[in-house]
Amino acid sequence: MSQEKLGESLGLTFQQVQKYEKGTNRIGASRLFELARILGVSVQYFFDELSGAEQSASGNGHGFAEPAGDDHVIEFLNSREGIELNRAFVRIDDPRARRAVLELVRSLADTHEN
């Protein structure tokens, strides 16, 4: 897939895609999720090729991956609800609305923990 076609799928210019590829710009979690969806791979695909040096630098060999005990997060992200929630969330353009959604979900989660 060309950078231009990938950019169109992400709603970006190919220059912005180049900046992600070169590491000039960081890729946020929601953008990485969308990128994986477009390319037809799991998010883990982008982390599978870590070199031994990168693994030992992080101390656990998993980079920024969730600890092994948090498999429920991965399961959720791969579930129908997780995918739908992520797709809907990344379509929210207003940062304040995104923050409000996040706070709502946190407050609902806190209510069920008590």
PDB file of N, CA and C in Angstrom:
ATOM      1  N   MET A   1       0.858  -1.168   0.000  1.00  0.00           N
ATOM      2  CA  MET A   1       0.000   0.000   0.000  1.00  0.00           C
ATOM      3  C   MET A   1       0.908   1.236   0.000  1.00  0.00           C
ATOM      4  N   SER A   2       0.591   2.195  -0.835  1.00  0.00           N
ATOM      5  CA  SER A   2       1.401   3.412  -0.904  1.00  0.00           C
ATOM      6  C   SER A   2       1.111   4.312   0.298  1.00  0.00           C
ATOM      7  N   GLN A   3       2.050   5.205   0.572  1.00  0.00           N
ATOM      8  CA  GLN A   3       1.852   6.160   1.667  1.00  0.00           C
ATOM      9  C   GLN A   3       0.660   7.061   1.363  1.00  0.00           C
ATOM     10  N   GLU A   4       0.478   7.387   0.103  1.00  0.00           N
ATOM     11  CA  GLU A   4      -0.639   8.250  -0.285  1.00  0.00           C
ATOM     12  C   GLU A   4      -1.976   7.553  -0.019  1.00  0.00           C
ATOM     13  N   LYS A   5      -2.076   6.271  -0.423  1.00  0.00           N
ATOM     14  CA  LYS A   5      -3.314   5.523  -0.209  1.00  0.00           C
ATOM     15  C   LYS A   5      -3.562   5.309   1.286  1.00  0.00           C
ATOM     16  N   LEU A   6      -2.501   5.008   2.027  1.00  0.00           N
ATOM     17  CA  LEU A   6      -2.632   4.844   3.471  1.00  0.00           C
ATOM     18  C   LEU A   6      -3.081   6.156   4.109  1.00  0.00           C
ATOM     19  N   GLY A   7      -2.491   7.258   3.673  1.00  0.00           N
ATOM     20  CA  GLY A   7      -2.884   8.570   4.185  1.00  0.00           C
ATOM     21  C   GLY A   7      -4.346   8.861   3.938  1.00  0.00           C
ATOM     22  N   GLU A   8      -4.823   8.535   2.732  1.00  0.00           N
ATOM     23  CA  GLU A   8      -6.242   8.748   2.413  1.00  0.00           C
ATOM     24  C   GLU A   8      -7.127   7.937   3.354  1.00  0.00           C
ATOM     25  N   SER A   9      -6.736   6.694   3.614  1.00  0.00           N
ATOM     26  CA  SER A   9      -7.521   5.836   4.494  1.00  0.00           C
ATOM     27  C   SER A   9      -7.560   6.362   5.927  1.00  0.00           C
ATOM     28  N   LEU A  10      -6.468   7.033   6.322  1.00  0.00           N
ATOM     29  CA  LEU A  10      -6.380   7.579   7.678  1.00  0.00           C
ATOM     30  C   LEU A  10      -6.886   9.013   7.768  1.00  0.00           C
ATOM     31  N   GLY A  11      -7.169   9.630   6.611  1.00  0.00           N
ATOM     32  CA  GLY A  11      -7.568  11.036   6.606  1.00  0.00           C
ATOM     33  C   GLY A  11      -6.378  11.956   6.793  1.00  0.00           C
ATOM     34  N   LEU A  12      -5.202  11.524   6.320  1.00  0.00           N
ATOM     35  CA  LEU A  12      -3.968  12.298   6.459  1.00  0.00           C
ATOM     36  C   LEU A  12      -3.328  12.506   5.086  1.00  0.00           C
ATOM     37  N   THR A  13      -2.369  13.410   5.020  1.00  0.00           N
ATOM     38  CA  THR A  13      -1.581  13.560   3.804  1.00  0.00           C
ATOM     39  C   THR A  13      -0.463  12.532   3.829  1.00  0.00           C
ATOM     40  N   PHE A  14       0.111  12.241   2.661  1.00  0.00           N
ATOM     41  CA  PHE A  14       1.197  11.271   2.648  1.00  0.00           C
ATOM     42  C   PHE A  14       2.420  11.813   3.380  1.00  0.00           C
ATOM     43  N   GLN A  15       2.548  13.156   3.455  1.00  0.00           N
ATOM     44  CA  GLN A  15       3.653  13.739   4.216  1.00  0.00           C
ATOM     45  C   GLN A  15       3.524  13.406   5.704  1.00  0.00           C
ATOM     46  N   GLN A  16       2.283  13.440   6.208  1.00  0.00           N
ATOM     47  CA  GLN A  16       2.065  13.090   7.610  1.00  0.00           C
ATOM     48  C   GLN A  16       2.390  11.616   7.858  1.00  0.00           C
ATOM     49  N   VAL A  17       2.038  10.752   6.903  1.00  0.00           N
ATOM     50  CA  VAL A  17       2.362   9.335   7.014  1.00  0.00           C
ATOM     51  C   VAL A  17       3.875   9.156   7.030  1.00  0.00           C
ATOM     52  N   GLN A  18       4.582   9.911   6.191  1.00  0.00           N
ATOM     53  CA  GLN A  18       6.046   9.845   6.158  1.00  0.00           C
ATOM     54  C   GLN A  18       6.637  10.232   7.513  1.00  0.00           C
ATOM     55  N   LYS A  19       6.068  11.238   8.148  1.00  0.00           N
ATOM     56  CA  LYS A  19       6.564  11.665   9.460  1.00  0.00           C
ATOM     57  C   LYS A  19       6.392  10.563  10.498  1.00  0.00           C
ATOM     58  N   TYR A  20       5.269   9.827  10.424  1.00  0.00           N
ATOM     59  CA  TYR A  20       5.074   8.681  11.316  1.00  0.00           C
ATOM     60  C   TYR A  20       6.116   7.610  11.018  1.00  0.00           C
ATOM     61  N   GLU A  21       6.316   7.332   9.731  1.00  0.00           N
ATOM     62  CA  GLU A  21       7.241   6.273   9.333  1.00  0.00           C
ATOM     63  C   GLU A  21       8.680   6.591   9.752  1.00  0.00           C
ATOM     64  N   LYS A  22       9.076   7.842   9.614  1.00  0.00           N
ATOM     65  CA  LYS A  22      10.440   8.245   9.964  1.00  0.00           C
ATOM     66  C   LYS A  22      10.624   8.443  11.461  1.00  0.00           C
ATOM     67  N   GLY A  23       9.533   8.502  12.199  1.00  0.00           N
ATOM     68  CA  GLY A  23       9.628   8.723  13.635  1.00  0.00           C
ATOM     69  C   GLY A  23       9.652  10.190  14.019  1.00  0.00           C
ATOM     70  N   THR A  24       9.418  11.077  13.048  1.00  0.00           N
ATOM     71  CA  THR A  24       9.369  12.508  13.337  1.00  0.00           C
ATOM     72  C   THR A  24       8.172  12.815  14.235  1.00  0.00           C
ATOM     73  N   ASN A  25       7.035  12.195  13.941  1.00  0.00           N
ATOM     74  CA  ASN A  25       5.829  12.332  14.758  1.00  0.00           C
ATOM     75  C   ASN A  25       5.541  10.998  15.433  1.00  0.00           C
ATOM     76  N   ARG A  26       5.066  11.056  16.656  1.00  0.00           N
ATOM     77  CA  ARG A  26       4.680   9.839  17.364  1.00  0.00           C
ATOM     78  C   ARG A  26       3.271   9.431  16.960  1.00  0.00           C
ATOM     79  N   ILE A  27       3.013   8.151  17.051  1.00  0.00           N
ATOM     80  CA  ILE A  27       1.695   7.620  16.712  1.00  0.00           C
ATOM     81  C   ILE A  27       0.953   7.331  18.011  1.00  0.00           C
ATOM     82  N   GLY A  28      -0.187   7.957  18.179  1.00  0.00           N
ATOM     83  CA  GLY A  28      -1.016   7.711  19.356  1.00  0.00           C
ATOM     84  C   GLY A  28      -1.685   6.351  19.274  1.00  0.00           C
ATOM     85  N   ALA A  29      -2.187   5.881  20.390  1.00  0.00           N
ATOM     86  CA  ALA A  29      -2.800   4.556  20.462  1.00  0.00           C
ATOM     87  C   ALA A  29      -3.988   4.416  19.521  1.00  0.00           C
ATOM     88  N   SER A  30      -4.852   5.410  19.472  1.00  0.00           N
ATOM     89  CA  SER A  30      -6.027   5.297  18.607  1.00  0.00           C
ATOM     90  C   SER A  30      -5.626   5.297  17.136  1.00  0.00           C
ATOM     91  N   ARG A  31      -4.604   6.080  16.776  1.00  0.00           N
ATOM     92  CA  ARG A  31      -4.119   6.106  15.392  1.00  0.00           C
ATOM     93  C   ARG A  31      -3.462   4.763  15.034  1.00  0.00           C
ATOM     94  N   LEU A  32      -2.709   4.200  15.984  1.00  0.00           N
ATOM     95  CA  LEU A  32      -2.075   2.906  15.758  1.00  0.00           C
ATOM     96  C   LEU A  32      -3.134   1.823  15.569  1.00  0.00           C
ATOM     97  N   PHE A  33      -4.183   1.888  16.356  1.00  0.00           N
ATOM     98  CA  PHE A  33      -5.292   0.935  16.229  1.00  0.00           C
ATOM     99  C   PHE A  33      -5.928   1.048  14.848  1.00  0.00           C
ATOM    100  N   GLU A  34      -6.172   2.271  14.410  1.00  0.00           N
ATOM    101  CA  GLU A  34      -6.781   2.499  13.097  1.00  0.00           C
ATOM    102  C   GLU A  34      -5.839   2.030  11.984  1.00  0.00           C
ATOM    103  N   LEU A  35      -4.561   2.283  12.126  1.00  0.00           N
ATOM    104  CA  LEU A  35      -3.561   1.848  11.158  1.00  0.00           C
ATOM    105  C   LEU A  35      -3.561   0.322  11.040  1.00  0.00           C
ATOM    106  N   ALA A  36      -3.596  -0.357  12.166  1.00  0.00           N
ATOM    107  CA  ALA A  36      -3.634  -1.818  12.160  1.00  0.00           C
ATOM    108  C   ALA A  36      -4.898  -2.321  11.468  1.00  0.00           C
ATOM    109  N   ARG A  37      -6.017  -1.675  11.731  1.00  0.00           N
ATOM    110  CA  ARG A  37      -7.283  -2.083  11.108  1.00  0.00           C
ATOM    111  C   ARG A  37      -7.198  -1.936   9.598  1.00  0.00           C
ATOM    112  N   ILE A  38      -6.682  -0.812   9.127  1.00  0.00           N
ATOM    113  CA  ILE A  38      -6.583  -0.557   7.687  1.00  0.00           C
ATOM    114  C   ILE A  38      -5.658  -1.573   7.015  1.00  0.00           C
ATOM    115  N   LEU A  39      -4.558  -1.895   7.687  1.00  0.00           N
ATOM    116  CA  LEU A  39      -3.594  -2.826   7.109  1.00  0.00           C
ATOM    117  C   LEU A  39      -3.981  -4.290   7.314  1.00  0.00           C
ATOM    118  N   GLY A  40      -5.015  -4.521   8.116  1.00  0.00           N
ATOM    119  CA  GLY A  40      -5.491  -5.882   8.339  1.00  0.00           C
ATOM    120  C   GLY A  40      -4.580  -6.709   9.226  1.00  0.00           C
ATOM    121  N   VAL A  41      -3.929  -6.046  10.196  1.00  0.00           N
ATOM    122  CA  VAL A  41      -3.052  -6.743  11.137  1.00  0.00           C
ATOM    123  C   VAL A  41      -3.469  -6.377  12.550  1.00  0.00           C
ATOM    124  N   SER A  42      -2.974  -7.130  13.535  1.00  0.00           N
ATOM    125  CA  SER A  42      -3.234  -6.765  14.928  1.00  0.00           C
ATOM    126  C   SER A  42      -2.250  -5.671  15.333  1.00  0.00           C
ATOM    127  N   VAL A  43      -2.570  -4.944  16.364  1.00  0.00           N
ATOM    128  CA  VAL A  43      -1.664  -3.912  16.873  1.00  0.00           C
ATOM    129  C   VAL A  43      -0.337  -4.547  17.292  1.00  0.00           C
ATOM    130  N   GLN A  44      -0.400  -5.758  17.820  1.00  0.00           N
ATOM    131  CA  GLN A  44       0.806  -6.466  18.254  1.00  0.00           C
ATOM    132  C   GLN A  44       1.798  -6.627  17.109  1.00  0.00           C
ATOM    133  N   TYR A  45       1.335  -6.681  15.886  1.00  0.00           N
ATOM    134  CA  TYR A  45       2.198  -6.827  14.711  1.00  0.00           C
ATOM    135  C   TYR A  45       3.326  -5.791  14.719  1.00  0.00           C
ATOM    136  N   PHE A  46       3.038  -4.576  15.158  1.00  0.00           N
ATOM    137  CA  PHE A  46       4.020  -3.501  15.140  1.00  0.00           C
ATOM    138  C   PHE A  46       5.084  -3.662  16.232  1.00  0.00           C
ATOM    139  N   PHE A  47       4.874  -4.570  17.163  1.00  0.00           N
ATOM    140  CA  PHE A  47       5.800  -4.771  18.264  1.00  0.00           C
ATOM    141  C   PHE A  47       6.513  -6.114  18.212  1.00  0.00           C
ATOM    142  N   ASP A  48       6.109  -6.993  17.319  1.00  0.00           N
ATOM    143  CA  ASP A  48       6.669  -8.345  17.251  1.00  0.00           C
ATOM    144  C   ASP A  48       8.146  -8.376  16.893  1.00  0.00           C
ATOM    145  N   GLU A  49       8.640  -7.414  16.171  1.00  0.00           N
ATOM    146  CA  GLU A  49       9.997  -7.434  15.659  1.00  0.00           C
ATOM    147  C   GLU A  49      11.000  -6.680  16.534  1.00  0.00           C
ATOM    148  N   LEU A  50      10.698  -6.459  17.807  1.00  0.00           N
ATOM    149  CA  LEU A  50      11.633  -5.747  18.679  1.00  0.00           C
ATOM    150  C   LEU A  50      12.960  -6.494  18.755  1.00  0.00           C
ATOM    151  N   SER A  51      14.055  -5.744  18.631  1.00  0.00           N
ATOM    152  CA  SER A  51      15.375  -6.373  18.735  1.00  0.00           C
ATOM    153  C   SER A  51      15.682  -6.681  20.187  1.00  0.00           C
ATOM    154  N   GLY A  52      16.684  -7.515  20.414  1.00  0.00           N
ATOM    155  CA  GLY A  52      17.093  -7.862  21.780  1.00  0.00           C
ATOM    156  C   GLY A  52      17.501  -6.647  22.573  1.00  0.00           C
ATOM    157  N   ALA A  53      18.164  -5.668  21.932  1.00  0.00           N
ATOM    158  CA  ALA A  53      18.597  -4.452  22.632  1.00  0.00           C
ATOM    159  C   ALA A  53      17.391  -3.653  23.104  1.00  0.00           C
ATOM    160  N   GLU A  54      16.387  -3.545  22.248  1.00  0.00           N
ATOM    161  CA  GLU A  54      15.188  -2.796  22.632  1.00  0.00           C
ATOM    162  C   GLU A  54      14.454  -3.509  23.749  1.00  0.00           C
ATOM    163  N   GLN A  55      14.432  -4.839  23.695  1.00  0.00           N
ATOM    164  CA  GLN A  55      13.749  -5.600  24.733  1.00  0.00           C
ATOM    165  C   GLN A  55      14.459  -5.462  26.071  1.00  0.00           C
ATOM    166  N   SER A  56      15.789  -5.563  26.068  1.00  0.00           N
ATOM    167  CA  SER A  56      16.499  -5.474  27.333  1.00  0.00           C
ATOM    168  C   SER A  56      16.479  -4.059  27.889  1.00  0.00           C
ATOM    169  N   ALA A  57      16.397  -3.049  27.025  1.00  0.00           N
ATOM    170  CA  ALA A  57      16.345  -1.664  27.497  1.00  0.00           C
ATOM    171  C   ALA A  57      15.064  -1.407  28.283  1.00  0.00           C
ATOM    172  N   SER A  58      13.977  -2.074  27.889  1.00  0.00           N
ATOM    173  CA  SER A  58      12.714  -1.874  28.594  1.00  0.00           C
ATOM    174  C   SER A  58      12.652  -2.680  29.880  1.00  0.00           C
ATOM    175  N   GLY A  59      13.549  -3.646  30.005  1.00  0.00           N
ATOM    176  CA  GLY A  59      13.592  -4.418  31.234  1.00  0.00           C
ATOM    177  C   GLY A  59      12.721  -5.653  31.244  1.00  0.00           C
ATOM    178  N   ASN A  60      11.652  -5.670  30.461  1.00  0.00           N
ATOM    179  CA  ASN A  60      10.765  -6.821  30.501  1.00  0.00           C
ATOM    180  C   ASN A  60      10.581  -7.497  29.156  1.00  0.00           C
ATOM    181  N   GLY A  61      11.164  -6.928  28.109  1.00  0.00           N
ATOM    182  CA  GLY A  61      11.032  -7.535  26.799  1.00  0.00           C
ATOM    183  C   GLY A  61       9.695  -7.281  26.138  1.00  0.00           C
ATOM    184  N   HIS A  62       8.849  -6.469  26.752  1.00  0.00           N
ATOM    185  CA  HIS A  62       7.526  -6.220  26.183  1.00  0.00           C
ATOM    186  C   HIS A  62       7.305  -4.766  25.790  1.00  0.00           C
ATOM    187  N   GLY A  63       8.327  -3.935  25.831  1.00  0.00           N
ATOM    188  CA  GLY A  63       8.161  -2.531  25.463  1.00  0.00           C
ATOM    189  C   GLY A  63       7.069  -1.884  26.279  1.00  0.00           C
ATOM    190  N   PHE A  64       6.105  -1.286  25.593  1.00  0.00           N
ATOM    191  CA  PHE A  64       5.002  -0.632  26.276  1.00  0.00           C
ATOM    192  C   PHE A  64       3.782  -1.534  26.382  1.00  0.00           C
ATOM    193  N   ALA A  65       3.940  -2.792  26.062  1.00  0.00           N
ATOM    194  CA  ALA A  65       2.820  -3.730  26.123  1.00  0.00           C
ATOM    195  C   ALA A  65       2.328  -3.849  27.560  1.00  0.00           C
ATOM    196  N   GLU A  66       1.060  -4.190  27.678  1.00  0.00           N
ATOM    197  CA  GLU A  66       0.471  -4.394  28.996  1.00  0.00           C
ATOM    198  C   GLU A  66       1.145  -5.593  29.666  1.00  0.00           C
ATOM    199  N   PRO A  67       1.257  -5.583  30.977  1.00  0.00           N
ATOM    200  CA  PRO A  67       1.797  -6.754  31.671  1.00  0.00           C
ATOM    201  C   PRO A  67       0.970  -7.993  31.345  1.00  0.00           C
ATOM    202  N   ALA A  68       1.585  -9.158  31.423  1.00  0.00           N
ATOM    203  CA  ALA A  68       0.912 -10.408  31.043  1.00  0.00           C
ATOM    204  C   ALA A  68      -0.405 -10.609  31.792  1.00  0.00           C
ATOM    205  N   GLY A  69      -0.518 -10.120  33.022  1.00  0.00           N
ATOM    206  CA  GLY A  69      -1.743 -10.281  33.796  1.00  0.00           C
ATOM    207  C   GLY A  69      -2.908  -9.454  33.284  1.00  0.00           C
ATOM    208  N   ASP A  70      -2.662  -8.553  32.342  1.00  0.00           N
ATOM    209  CA  ASP A  70      -3.716  -7.684  31.818  1.00  0.00           C
ATOM    210  C   ASP A  70      -4.243  -8.173  30.465  1.00  0.00           C
ATOM    211  N   ASP A  71      -4.322  -9.488  30.295  1.00  0.00           N
ATOM    212  CA  ASP A  71      -4.807 -10.055  29.039  1.00  0.00           C
ATOM    213  C   ASP A  71      -6.253  -9.646  28.752  1.00  0.00           C
ATOM    214  N   HIS A  72      -6.999  -9.291  29.796  1.00  0.00           N
ATOM    215  CA  HIS A  72      -8.391  -8.892  29.598  1.00  0.00           C
ATOM    216  C   HIS A  72      -8.489  -7.625  28.743  1.00  0.00           C
ATOM    217  N   VAL A  73      -7.477  -6.771  28.818  1.00  0.00           N
ATOM    218  CA  VAL A  73      -7.470  -5.553  27.997  1.00  0.00           C
ATOM    219  C   VAL A  73      -7.349  -5.926  26.519  1.00  0.00           C
ATOM    220  N   ILE A  74      -6.423  -6.817  26.208  1.00  0.00           N
ATOM    221  CA  ILE A  74      -6.240  -7.268  24.833  1.00  0.00           C
ATOM    222  C   ILE A  74      -7.500  -7.966  24.336  1.00  0.00           C
ATOM    223  N   GLU A  75      -8.076  -8.806  25.182  1.00  0.00           N
ATOM    224  CA  GLU A  75      -9.314  -9.494  24.807  1.00  0.00           C
ATOM    225  C   GLU A  75     -10.412  -8.495  24.490  1.00  0.00           C
ATOM    226  N   PHE A  76     -10.531  -7.454  25.326  1.00  0.00           N
ATOM    227  CA  PHE A  76     -11.555  -6.441  25.077  1.00  0.00           C
ATOM    228  C   PHE A  76     -11.309  -5.713  23.766  1.00  0.00           C
ATOM    229  N   LEU A  77     -10.052  -5.309  23.523  1.00  0.00           N
ATOM    230  CA  LEU A  77      -9.738  -4.576  22.295  1.00  0.00           C
ATOM    231  C   LEU A  77     -10.007  -5.405  21.053  1.00  0.00           C
ATOM    232  N   ASN A  78      -9.962  -6.711  21.170  1.00  0.00           N
ATOM    233  CA  ASN A  78     -10.246  -7.593  20.043  1.00  0.00           C
ATOM    234  C   ASN A  78     -11.705  -8.025  19.982  1.00  0.00           C
ATOM    235  N   SER A  79     -12.498  -7.626  20.980  1.00  0.00           N
ATOM    236  CA  SER A  79     -13.918  -7.990  20.986  1.00  0.00           C
ATOM    237  C   SER A  79     -14.715  -7.045  20.096  1.00  0.00           C
ATOM    238  N   ARG A  80     -15.922  -7.433  19.791  1.00  0.00           N
ATOM    239  CA  ARG A  80     -16.801  -6.605  18.960  1.00  0.00           C
ATOM    240  C   ARG A  80     -17.028  -5.231  19.603  1.00  0.00           C
ATOM    241  N   GLU A  81     -17.319  -5.224  20.926  1.00  0.00           N
ATOM    242  CA  GLU A  81     -17.553  -3.956  21.618  1.00  0.00           C
ATOM    243  C   GLU A  81     -16.302  -3.094  21.641  1.00  0.00           C
ATOM    244  N   GLY A  82     -15.149  -3.727  21.866  1.00  0.00           N
ATOM    245  CA  GLY A  82     -13.890  -2.983  21.895  1.00  0.00           C
ATOM    246  C   GLY A  82     -13.588  -2.328  20.564  1.00  0.00           C
ATOM    247  N   ILE A  83     -13.793  -3.071  19.500  1.00  0.00           N
ATOM    248  CA  ILE A  83     -13.547  -2.528  18.157  1.00  0.00           C
ATOM    249  C   ILE A  83     -14.524  -1.402  17.856  1.00  0.00           C
ATOM    250  N   GLU A  84     -15.807  -1.620  18.154  1.00  0.00           N
ATOM    251  CA  GLU A  84     -16.810  -0.580  17.895  1.00  0.00           C
ATOM    252  C   GLU A  84     -16.536   0.671  18.717  1.00  0.00           C
ATOM    253  N   LEU A  85     -16.184   0.493  19.992  1.00  0.00           N
ATOM    254  CA  LEU A  85     -15.885   1.632  20.856  1.00  0.00           C
ATOM    255  C   LEU A  85     -14.689   2.416  20.327  1.00  0.00           C
ATOM    256  N   ASN A  86     -13.639   1.719  19.946  1.00  0.00           N
ATOM    257  CA  ASN A  86     -12.461   2.385  19.406  1.00  0.00           C
ATOM    258  C   ASN A  86     -12.754   3.103  18.104  1.00  0.00           C
ATOM    259  N   ARG A  87     -13.494   2.476  17.218  1.00  0.00           N
ATOM    260  CA  ARG A  87     -13.834   3.116  15.933  1.00  0.00           C
ATOM    261  C   ARG A  87     -14.652   4.389  16.150  1.00  0.00           C
ATOM    262  N   ALA A  88     -15.613   4.306  17.055  1.00  0.00           N
ATOM    263  CA  ALA A  88     -16.442   5.480  17.324  1.00  0.00           C
ATOM    264  C   ALA A  88     -15.622   6.576  18.000  1.00  0.00           C
ATOM    265  N   PHE A  89     -14.779   6.185  18.941  1.00  0.00           N
ATOM    266  CA  PHE A  89     -13.988   7.166  19.689  1.00  0.00           C
ATOM    267  C   PHE A  89     -13.048   7.939  18.770  1.00  0.00           C
ATOM    268  N   VAL A  90     -12.383   7.252  17.830  1.00  0.00           N
ATOM    269  CA  VAL A  90     -11.428   7.947  16.963  1.00  0.00           C
ATOM    270  C   VAL A  90     -12.120   8.897  15.988  1.00  0.00           C
ATOM    271  N   ARG A  91     -13.443   8.748  15.821  1.00  0.00           N
ATOM    272  CA  ARG A  91     -14.174   9.669  14.944  1.00  0.00           C
ATOM    273  C   ARG A  91     -14.597  10.953  15.652  1.00  0.00           C
ATOM    274  N   ILE A  92     -14.409  11.029  16.965  1.00  0.00           N
ATOM    275  CA  ILE A  92     -14.736  12.241  17.719  1.00  0.00           C
ATOM    276  C   ILE A  92     -13.616  13.247  17.503  1.00  0.00           C
ATOM    277  N   ASP A  93     -13.924  14.354  16.846  1.00  0.00           N
ATOM    278  CA  ASP A  93     -12.904  15.350  16.515  1.00  0.00           C
ATOM    279  C   ASP A  93     -12.602  16.316  17.670  1.00  0.00           C
ATOM    280  N   ASP A  94     -13.599  16.633  18.466  1.00  0.00           N
ATOM    281  CA  ASP A  94     -13.446  17.624  19.525  1.00  0.00           C
ATOM    282  C   ASP A  94     -12.701  17.028  20.723  1.00  0.00           C
ATOM    283  N   PRO A  95     -11.515  17.555  21.049  1.00  0.00           N
ATOM    284  CA  PRO A  95     -10.749  17.015  22.173  1.00  0.00           C
ATOM    285  C   PRO A  95     -11.502  17.075  23.500  1.00  0.00           C
ATOM    286  N   ARG A  96     -12.331  18.106  23.680  1.00  0.00           N
ATOM    287  CA  ARG A  96     -13.101  18.207  24.929  1.00  0.00           C
ATOM    288  C   ARG A  96     -14.157  17.107  24.999  1.00  0.00           C
ATOM    289  N   ALA A  97     -14.762  16.797  23.868  1.00  0.00           N
ATOM    290  CA  ALA A  97     -15.748  15.717  23.842  1.00  0.00           C
ATOM    291  C   ALA A  97     -15.072  14.377  24.114  1.00  0.00           C
ATOM    292  N   ARG A  98     -13.877  14.175  23.547  1.00  0.00           N
ATOM    293  CA  ARG A  98     -13.131  12.944  23.812  1.00  0.00           C
ATOM    294  C   ARG A  98     -12.831  12.822  25.304  1.00  0.00           C
ATOM    295  N   ARG A  99     -12.391  13.912  25.909  1.00  0.00           N
ATOM    296  CA  ARG A  99     -12.077  13.914  27.337  1.00  0.00           C
ATOM    297  C   ARG A  99     -13.338  13.597  28.141  1.00  0.00           C
ATOM    298  N   ALA A 100     -14.476  14.165  27.739  1.00  0.00           N
ATOM    299  CA  ALA A 100     -15.737  13.916  28.450  1.00  0.00           C
ATOM    300  C   ALA A 100     -16.127  12.444  28.366  1.00  0.00           C
ATOM    301  N   VAL A 101     -15.951  11.838  27.200  1.00  0.00           N
ATOM    302  CA  VAL A 101     -16.258  10.415  27.037  1.00  0.00           C
ATOM    303  C   VAL A 101     -15.353   9.586  27.940  1.00  0.00           C
ATOM    304  N   LEU A 102     -14.075   9.915  27.955  1.00  0.00           N
ATOM    305  CA  LEU A 102     -13.122   9.201  28.794  1.00  0.00           C
ATOM    306  C   LEU A 102     -13.502   9.313  30.274  1.00  0.00           C
ATOM    307  N   GLU A 103     -13.849  10.520  30.703  1.00  0.00           N
ATOM    308  CA  GLU A 103     -14.241  10.717  32.106  1.00  0.00           C
ATOM    309  C   GLU A 103     -15.526   9.960  32.434  1.00  0.00           C
ATOM    310  N   LEU A 104     -16.468   9.920  31.490  1.00  0.00           N
ATOM    311  CA  LEU A 104     -17.706   9.172  31.699  1.00  0.00           C
ATOM    312  C   LEU A 104     -17.405   7.691  31.893  1.00  0.00           C
ATOM    313  N   VAL A 105     -16.568   7.133  31.024  1.00  0.00           N
ATOM    314  CA  VAL A 105     -16.229   5.715  31.129  1.00  0.00           C
ATOM    315  C   VAL A 105     -15.508   5.438  32.444  1.00  0.00           C
ATOM    316  N   ARG A 106     -14.586   6.314  32.822  1.00  0.00           N
ATOM    317  CA  ARG A 106     -13.877   6.133  34.101  1.00  0.00           C
ATOM    318  C   ARG A 106     -14.845   6.164  35.277  1.00  0.00           C
ATOM    319  N   SER A 107     -15.790   7.105  35.257  1.00  0.00           N
ATOM    320  CA  SER A 107     -16.728   7.209  36.378  1.00  0.00           C
ATOM    321  C   SER A 107     -17.645   5.984  36.430  1.00  0.00           C
ATOM    322  N   LEU A 108     -18.045   5.478  35.284  1.00  0.00           N
ATOM    323  CA  LEU A 108     -18.856   4.262  35.263  1.00  0.00           C
ATOM    324  C   LEU A 108     -18.059   3.069  35.782  1.00  0.00           C
ATOM    325  N   ALA A 109     -16.795   2.983  35.412  1.00  0.00           N
ATOM    326  CA  ALA A 109     -15.936   1.892  35.881  1.00  0.00           C
ATOM    327  C   ALA A 109     -15.735   1.990  37.398  1.00  0.00           C
ATOM    328  N   ASP A 110     -15.521   3.206  37.899  1.00  0.00           N
ATOM    329  CA  ASP A 110     -15.330   3.405  39.340  1.00  0.00           C
ATOM    330  C   ASP A 110     -16.581   3.018  40.112  1.00  0.00           C
ATOM    331  N   THR A 111     -17.743   3.304  39.561  1.00  0.00           N
ATOM    332  CA  THR A 111     -19.012   2.965  40.205  1.00  0.00           C
ATOM    333  C   THR A 111     -19.124   1.458  40.368  1.00  0.00           C
ATOM    334  N   HIS A 112     -18.673   0.697  39.368  1.00  0.00           N
ATOM    335  CA  HIS A 112     -18.791  -0.762  39.431  1.00  0.00           C
ATOM    336  C   HIS A 112     -17.706  -1.420  40.260  1.00  0.00           C
ATOM    337  N   GLU A 113     -16.614  -0.707  40.548  1.00  0.00           N
ATOM    338  CA  GLU A 113     -15.552  -1.267  41.380  1.00  0.00           C
ATOM    339  C   GLU A 113     -15.910  -1.215  42.852  1.00  0.00           C
ATOM    340  N   ASN A 114     -16.726  -0.251  43.242  1.00  0.00           N
ATOM    341  CA  ASN A 114     -17.056  -0.071  44.666  1.00  0.00           C
ATOM    342  C   ASN A 114     -18.122  -0.999  45.138  1.00  0.00           C
TER     343      ASN A 114
END
